[in-house]
C-alpha atoms as a PDB file:
ATOM      1  CA  MET A   1      66.082  88.006 224.772  1.00  0.00           C
ATOM      2  CA  LYS A   2      67.491  85.496 226.772  1.00  0.00           C
ATOM      3  CA  ASP A   3      68.909  83.737 223.859  1.00  0.00           C
ATOM      4  CA  TYR A   4      70.895  87.248 223.433  1.00  0.00           C
ATOM      5  CA  GLN A   5      72.149  87.198 226.909  1.00  0.00           C
ATOM      6  CA  ALA A   6      73.824  83.153 226.578  1.00  0.00           C
ATOM      7  CA  SER A   7      75.282  84.188 223.562  1.00  0.00           C
ATOM      8  CA  LEU A   8      76.813  87.660 225.269  1.00  0.00           C
ATOM      9  CA  GLU A   9      77.894  85.270 228.417  1.00  0.00           C
ATOM     10  CA  LYS A  10      79.310  82.854 226.090  1.00  0.00           C
ATOM     11  CA  LEU A  11      81.528  85.319 224.128  1.00  0.00           C
ATOM     12  CA  ARG A  12      82.808  86.801 227.123  1.00  0.00           C
ATOM     13  CA  ARG A  13      83.816  83.830 228.244  1.00  0.00           C
ATOM     14  CA  ASP A  14      85.324  82.300 225.597  1.00  0.00           C
ATOM     15  CA  ALA A  15      87.073  85.477 225.084  1.00  0.00           C
ATOM     16  CA  ALA A  16      88.359  85.457 229.006  1.00  0.00           C
ATOM     17  CA  GLU A  17      89.797  81.888 228.026  1.00  0.00           C
ATOM     18  CA  ALA A  18      91.647  82.814 225.080  1.00  0.00           C
ATOM     19  CA  ALA A  19      93.154  85.867 227.151  1.00  0.00           C
ATOM     20  CA  LEU A  20      94.362  83.444 229.325  1.00  0.00           C
ATOM     21  CA  ILE A  21      95.721  80.870 227.168  1.00  0.00           C
ATOM     22  CA  ARG A  22      97.791  83.976 225.269  1.00  0.00           C
ATOM     23  CA  ASP A  23      99.153  84.744 228.678  1.00  0.00           C
ATOM     24  CA  LEU A  24     100.189  81.460 229.051  1.00  0.00           C
ATOM     25  CA  ALA A  25     101.207  81.083 226.319  1.00  0.00           C
ATOM     26  CA  THR A  26     105.679  80.621 225.658  1.00  0.00           C
ATOM     27  CA  ASN A  27     105.270  80.633 221.663  1.00  0.00           C
ATOM     28  CA  PRO A  28     105.161  84.532 220.436  1.00  0.00           C
ATOM     29  CA  THR A  29     102.928  82.634 217.327  1.00  0.00           C
ATOM     30  CA  LYS A  30     100.417  81.178 219.766  1.00  0.00           C
ATOM     31  CA  ARG A  31     100.189  84.150 221.988  1.00  0.00           C
ATOM     32  CA  ASN A  32      99.729  86.489 218.850  1.00  0.00           C
ATOM     33  CA  THR A  33      97.219  84.098 217.546  1.00  0.00           C
ATOM     34  CA  PHE A  34      95.578  84.045 220.837  1.00  0.00           C
ATOM     35  CA  ASP A  35      95.575  87.672 221.329  1.00  0.00           C
ATOM     36  CA  ARG A  36      93.681  88.249 218.571  1.00  0.00           C
ATOM     37  CA  LEU A  37      91.113  85.554 219.205  1.00  0.00           C
ATOM     38  CA  ALA A  38      90.647  86.807 222.560  1.00  0.00           C
ATOM     39  CA  GLN A  39      90.045  90.932 220.823  1.00  0.00           C
ATOM     40  CA  HIS A  40      87.811  89.675 218.169  1.00  0.00           C
ATOM     41  CA  LEU A  41      85.293  87.372 220.773  1.00  0.00           C
ATOM     42  CA  SER A  42      84.835  90.636 222.629  1.00  0.00           C
ATOM     43  CA  GLN A  43      83.967  93.124 220.053  1.00  0.00           C
ATOM     44  CA  LEU A  44      81.947  90.643 218.983  1.00  0.00           C
ATOM     45  CA  ALA A  45      80.749  90.131 222.596  1.00  0.00           C
ATOM     46  CA  ASP A  46      80.748  94.314 222.377  1.00  0.00           C
ATOM     47  CA  GLY A  47      77.968  94.099 218.669  1.00  0.00           C
ATOM     48  CA  VAL A  48      75.973  91.775 220.804  1.00  0.00           C
ATOM     49  CA  GLU A  49      75.735  93.858 224.136  1.00  0.00           C
ATOM     50  CA  LYS A  50      74.884  96.765 221.817  1.00  0.00           C
ATOM     51  CA  ALA A  51      72.454  95.049 219.612  1.00  0.00           C
ATOM     52  CA  MET A  52      70.537  93.856 223.197  1.00  0.00           C
ATOM     53  CA  ALA A  53      70.696  97.382 224.072  1.00  0.00           C
ATOM     54  CA  GLN A  54      69.244  98.741 220.842  1.00  0.00           C
ATOM     55  CA  ALA A  55      66.651  96.274 220.879  1.00  0.00           C
ATOM     56  CA  SER A  56      65.213  96.697 224.245  1.00  0.00           C
ATOM     57  CA  ARG A  57      64.923 101.010 223.505  1.00  0.00           C
ATOM     58  CA  GLY A  58      63.038  99.815 220.274  1.00  0.00           C
ATOM     59  CA  ALA A  59      60.904  97.543 222.142  1.00  0.00           C
ATOM     60  CA  GLY A  60      60.337 100.235 225.073  1.00  0.00           C
ATOM     61  CA  ILE A  61      61.350  97.460 227.558  1.00  0.00           C
END
């Protein structure tokens, strides 16, 4: 479960970093690219979090 937690934290950090780059970008193409990246990483983190919750319910933790 610690591996999942570490992955979740890394995905959240990476999503936040991509959002920061998006906010600082002046080029519209780069802004759009980093916006999509931030959204995708957030969705992946949500998926890991959901899997963790399901695993803990299934294992009786």
